[in-house]
C-alpha atoms as a PDB file:
ATOM      1  CA  MET A   1      -0.063   0.146   0.229  1.00  0.00           C
ATOM      2  CA  THR A   2       1.122   3.520  -0.731  1.00  0.00           C
ATOM      3  CA  SER A   3       1.501   5.710   1.862  1.00  0.00           C
ATOM      4  CA  ARG A   4      -0.407   9.071   2.135  1.00  0.00           C
ATOM      5  CA  MET A   5       0.871  12.411   1.428  1.00  0.00           C
ATOM      6  CA  ILE A   6      -0.158  16.025   1.857  1.00  0.00           C
ATOM      7  CA  PHE A   7       1.046  18.632  -0.604  1.00  0.00           C
ATOM      8  CA  LEU A   8       0.385  22.323   0.480  1.00  0.00           C
ATOM      9  CA  ASN A   9      -0.127  24.800  -2.272  1.00  0.00           C
ATOM     10  CA  LEU A  10       0.911  28.126  -1.269  1.00  0.00           C
ATOM     11  CA  PRO A  11       0.848  31.111  -3.465  1.00  0.00           C
ATOM     12  CA  VAL A  12       4.112  33.285  -3.260  1.00  0.00           C
ATOM     13  CA  ALA A  13       5.278  36.804  -4.556  1.00  0.00           C
ATOM     14  CA  GLU A  14       8.733  35.981  -5.711  1.00  0.00           C
ATOM     15  CA  LEU A  15       9.721  32.245  -6.213  1.00  0.00           C
ATOM     16  CA  ASN A  16      13.301  32.571  -5.627  1.00  0.00           C
ATOM     17  CA  ARG A  17      12.993  34.491  -2.457  1.00  0.00           C
ATOM     18  CA  SER A  18      10.269  31.668  -1.312  1.00  0.00           C
ATOM     19  CA  LYS A  19      12.776  28.993  -2.244  1.00  0.00           C
ATOM     20  CA  ASN A  20      15.775  30.549  -0.531  1.00  0.00           C
ATOM     21  CA  PHE A  21      13.745  30.803   2.546  1.00  0.00           C
ATOM     22  CA  TYR A  22      12.537  27.019   2.784  1.00  0.00           C
ATOM     23  CA  GLU A  23      16.132  25.789   1.835  1.00  0.00           C
ATOM     24  CA  ALA A  24      17.427  27.870   4.834  1.00  0.00           C
ATOM     25  CA  LEU A  25      14.990  25.921   7.192  1.00  0.00           C
ATOM     26  CA  GLY A  26      16.959  22.632   6.037  1.00  0.00           C
ATOM     27  CA  TRP A  27      14.140  21.640   3.398  1.00  0.00           C
ATOM     28  CA  LYS A  28      15.203  20.585  -0.073  1.00  0.00           C
ATOM     29  CA  VAL A  29      13.954  21.606  -3.561  1.00  0.00           C
ATOM     30  CA  ASN A  30      12.642  18.640  -5.623  1.00  0.00           C
ATOM     31  CA  GLN A  31      13.780  19.903  -9.293  1.00  0.00           C
ATOM     32  CA  GLU A  32      11.527  17.368 -10.857  1.00  0.00           C
ATOM     33  CA  PHE A  33       8.460  18.919  -9.995  1.00  0.00           C
ATOM     34  CA  SER A  34       9.991  22.692  -9.920  1.00  0.00           C
ATOM     35  CA  ASP A  35       9.941  25.258 -12.885  1.00  0.00           C
ATOM     36  CA  ASP A  36       9.694  29.047 -13.232  1.00  0.00           C
ATOM     37  CA  GLN A  37       5.906  28.931 -11.985  1.00  0.00           C
ATOM     38  CA  ALA A  38       6.446  26.493  -9.092  1.00  0.00           C
ATOM     39  CA  ALA A  39       8.840  24.591  -6.545  1.00  0.00           C
ATOM     40  CA  CYS A  40       8.305  21.604  -4.769  1.00  0.00           C
ATOM     41  CA  ILE A  41       9.656  21.889  -1.194  1.00  0.00           C
ATOM     42  CA  VAL A  42      10.169  18.452   0.410  1.00  0.00           C
ATOM     43  CA  ILE A  43       9.822  18.482   4.329  1.00  0.00           C
ATOM     44  CA  ASP A  44       9.926  14.854   4.445  1.00  0.00           C
ATOM     45  CA  ASP A  45       8.911  11.563   2.649  1.00  0.00           C
ATOM     46  CA  ASN A  46       5.165  12.519   3.237  1.00  0.00           C
ATOM     47  CA  ILE A  47       5.008  16.193   3.305  1.00  0.00           C
ATOM     48  CA  CYS A  48       5.630  18.742   0.486  1.00  0.00           C
ATOM     49  CA  VAL A  49       5.014  22.627  -0.151  1.00  0.00           C
ATOM     50  CA  MET A  50       4.391  23.666  -3.469  1.00  0.00           C
ATOM     51  CA  LEU A  51       5.253  27.355  -3.801  1.00  0.00           C
ATOM     52  CA  LEU A  52       3.481  28.572  -6.737  1.00  0.00           C
ATOM     53  CA  THR A  53       3.556  32.270  -8.358  1.00  0.00           C
ATOM     54  CA  ARG A  54       0.604  34.052  -7.431  1.00  0.00           C
ATOM     55  CA  GLN A  55      -0.161  34.259 -11.266  1.00  0.00           C
ATOM     56  CA  PHE A  56      -0.117  30.774 -11.418  1.00  0.00           C
ATOM     57  CA  PHE A  57      -1.830  29.644  -8.344  1.00  0.00           C
ATOM     58  CA  THR A  58      -4.929  31.708  -9.529  1.00  0.00           C
ATOM     59  CA  THR A  59      -5.338  28.652 -12.082  1.00  0.00           C
ATOM     60  CA  PHE A  60      -6.104  26.521  -9.101  1.00  0.00           C
ATOM     61  CA  SER A  61      -9.195  28.233  -7.845  1.00  0.00           C
ATOM     62  CA  LYS A  62     -12.149  30.594  -9.236  1.00  0.00           C
ATOM     63  CA  ARG A  63     -11.937  32.808  -5.872  1.00  0.00           C
ATOM     64  CA  GLN A  64      -9.460  35.561  -5.238  1.00  0.00           C
ATOM     65  CA  VAL A  65      -6.326  34.563  -3.891  1.00  0.00           C
ATOM     66  CA  ALA A  66      -5.795  35.816  -0.146  1.00  0.00           C
ATOM     67  CA  GLU A  67      -3.433  38.410   0.678  1.00  0.00           C
ATOM     68  CA  THR A  68      -1.597  36.361   3.531  1.00  0.00           C
ATOM     69  CA  THR A  69       0.674  39.220   4.682  1.00  0.00           C
ATOM     70  CA  GLU A  70      -2.535  41.162   5.880  1.00  0.00           C
ATOM     71  CA  LYS A  71      -4.889  38.025   6.804  1.00  0.00           C
ATOM     72  CA  VAL A  72      -4.646  34.584   8.102  1.00  0.00           C
ATOM     73  CA  GLY A  73      -6.558  31.916   6.466  1.00  0.00           C
ATOM     74  CA  ALA A  74      -4.729  29.011   7.587  1.00  0.00           C
ATOM     75  CA  THR A  75      -1.965  27.776   9.757  1.00  0.00           C
ATOM     76  CA  TYR A  76       0.439  24.866   9.245  1.00  0.00           C
ATOM     77  CA  GLY A  77       1.188  22.938  12.308  1.00  0.00           C
ATOM     78  CA  LEU A  78       4.364  20.521  11.820  1.00  0.00           C
ATOM     79  CA  ALA A  79       5.080  18.033  14.721  1.00  0.00           C
ATOM     80  CA  LEU A  80       8.367  17.724  15.791  1.00  0.00           C
ATOM     81  CA  THR A  81      10.558  15.462  17.904  1.00  0.00           C
ATOM     82  CA  SER A  82      11.869  17.856  20.507  1.00  0.00           C
ATOM     83  CA  VAL A  83      11.946  21.368  22.067  1.00  0.00           C
ATOM     84  CA  ALA A  84      15.185  21.706  20.696  1.00  0.00           C
ATOM     85  CA  GLU A  85      14.012  21.057  17.301  1.00  0.00           C
ATOM     86  CA  VAL A  86      11.062  23.488  17.487  1.00  0.00           C
ATOM     87  CA  ASP A  87      13.768  26.378  18.315  1.00  0.00           C
ATOM     88  CA  ALA A  88      16.095  25.331  15.955  1.00  0.00           C
ATOM     89  CA  LEU A  89      13.336  25.721  12.904  1.00  0.00           C
ATOM     90  CA  ALA A  90      12.136  28.756  14.249  1.00  0.00           C
ATOM     91  CA  ALA A  91      15.511  30.205  14.696  1.00  0.00           C
ATOM     92  CA  ALA A  92      16.414  28.975  11.021  1.00  0.00           C
ATOM     93  CA  ALA A  93      13.295  30.811   9.783  1.00  0.00           C
ATOM     94  CA  LEU A  94      13.867  34.203  11.886  1.00  0.00           C
ATOM     95  CA  ALA A  95      17.606  34.042  10.284  1.00  0.00           C
ATOM     96  CA  ALA A  96      16.222  33.443   6.771  1.00  0.00           C
ATOM     97  CA  GLY A  97      13.866  36.541   7.171  1.00  0.00           C
ATOM     98  CA  GLY A  98      10.885  35.165   8.621  1.00  0.00           C
ATOM     99  CA  THR A  99       9.177  36.911  11.480  1.00  0.00           C
ATOM    100  CA  GLU A 100       7.952  35.501  14.668  1.00  0.00           C
ATOM    101  CA  GLU A 101       4.266  35.842  16.260  1.00  0.00           C
ATOM    102  CA  ILE A 102       4.114  35.403  20.170  1.00  0.00           C
ATOM    103  CA  SER A 103       0.892  34.902  21.758  1.00  0.00           C
ATOM    104  CA  GLU A 104       0.629  34.592  25.812  1.00  0.00           C
ATOM    105  CA  ASP A 105      -2.936  32.876  25.501  1.00  0.00           C
ATOM    106  CA  LYS A 106      -1.823  30.306  23.073  1.00  0.00           C
ATOM    107  CA  ARG A 107       1.534  29.681  24.971  1.00  0.00           C
ATOM    108  CA  SER A 108      -0.446  29.047  28.112  1.00  0.00           C
ATOM    109  CA  GLN A 109      -3.028  26.856  26.543  1.00  0.00           C
ATOM    110  CA  GLU A 110      -0.574  24.868  25.362  1.00  0.00           C
ATOM    111  CA  GLU A 111       1.420  24.476  28.445  1.00  0.00           C
ATOM    112  CA  GLN A 112      -1.555  23.082  30.018  1.00  0.00           C
ATOM    113  CA  VAL A 113      -1.572  20.306  27.810  1.00  0.00           C
ATOM    114  CA  GLY A 114       2.121  19.753  27.542  1.00  0.00           C
ATOM    115  CA  MET A 115       2.661  21.396  24.226  1.00  0.00           C
ATOM    116  CA  TYR A 116       5.514  23.714  22.856  1.00  0.00           C
ATOM    117  CA  SER A 117       5.437  25.566  19.917  1.00  0.00           C
ATOM    118  CA  ARG A 118       6.784  28.570  18.163  1.00  0.00           C
ATOM    119  CA  THR A 119       5.063  30.500  15.294  1.00  0.00           C
ATOM    120  CA  PHE A 120       6.563  32.260  12.538  1.00  0.00           C
ATOM    121  CA  LEU A 121       5.526  33.767   9.306  1.00  0.00           C
ATOM    122  CA  ASP A 122       7.249  33.341   6.031  1.00  0.00           C
ATOM    123  CA  PRO A 123       8.350  36.364   3.690  1.00  0.00           C
ATOM    124  CA  ASP A 124       4.637  36.147   2.231  1.00  0.00           C
ATOM    125  CA  GLY A 125       2.856  35.811   5.721  1.00  0.00           C
ATOM    126  CA  HIS A 126       2.060  32.082   5.614  1.00  0.00           C
ATOM    127  CA  GLN A 127       2.019  31.130   9.218  1.00  0.00           C
ATOM    128  CA  TRP A 128       3.946  28.186  10.402  1.00  0.00           C
ATOM    129  CA  GLU A 129       3.644  26.403  13.848  1.00  0.00           C
ATOM    130  CA  PRO A 130       6.355  23.912  14.920  1.00  0.00           C
ATOM    131  CA  PHE A 131       5.409  22.124  17.878  1.00  0.00           C
ATOM    132  CA  TRP A 132       6.569  19.335  20.361  1.00  0.00           C
ATOM    133  CA  MET A 133       3.764  17.698  22.489  1.00  0.00           C
ATOM    134  CA  ASP A 134       4.753  15.191  25.373  1.00  0.00           C
ATOM    135  CA  TYR A 135       2.639  12.619  24.777  1.00  0.00           C
ATOM    136  CA  ALA A 136       4.330  10.577  27.633  1.00  0.00           C
ATOM    137  CA  GLY A 137       2.589  12.882  29.985  1.00  0.00           C
ATOM    138  CA  GLN A 138      -0.902  12.133  28.458  1.00  0.00           C
END
């Protein structure tokens, strides 16, 4: 049986800037599925992010493309193996030009259930939330 995969399709203003950002996180570009309109970013064997120029992205839906630097439409949670891994990914994102968003209310809620996360925005405003959860404490 083939395992399931997830592909997130994200509109981006500048494809090369976005590719550079995601490569700085340690993720790889799959050249086989990339061209001047799209880039396939491989997070792991089952998760890929398709960076699509805003113009190309408009061919995927009849609805207007959201301006993610102004409004949030989705957040992308990514389960990691440790607090250190969460911090390392967030640090790489900030060093590559991302911005961090901090919510004390969210942090308090997560601490109550044994979770640790950080939130960063990529250059196009897409919100990533790498997290670690203490499943043993449940």
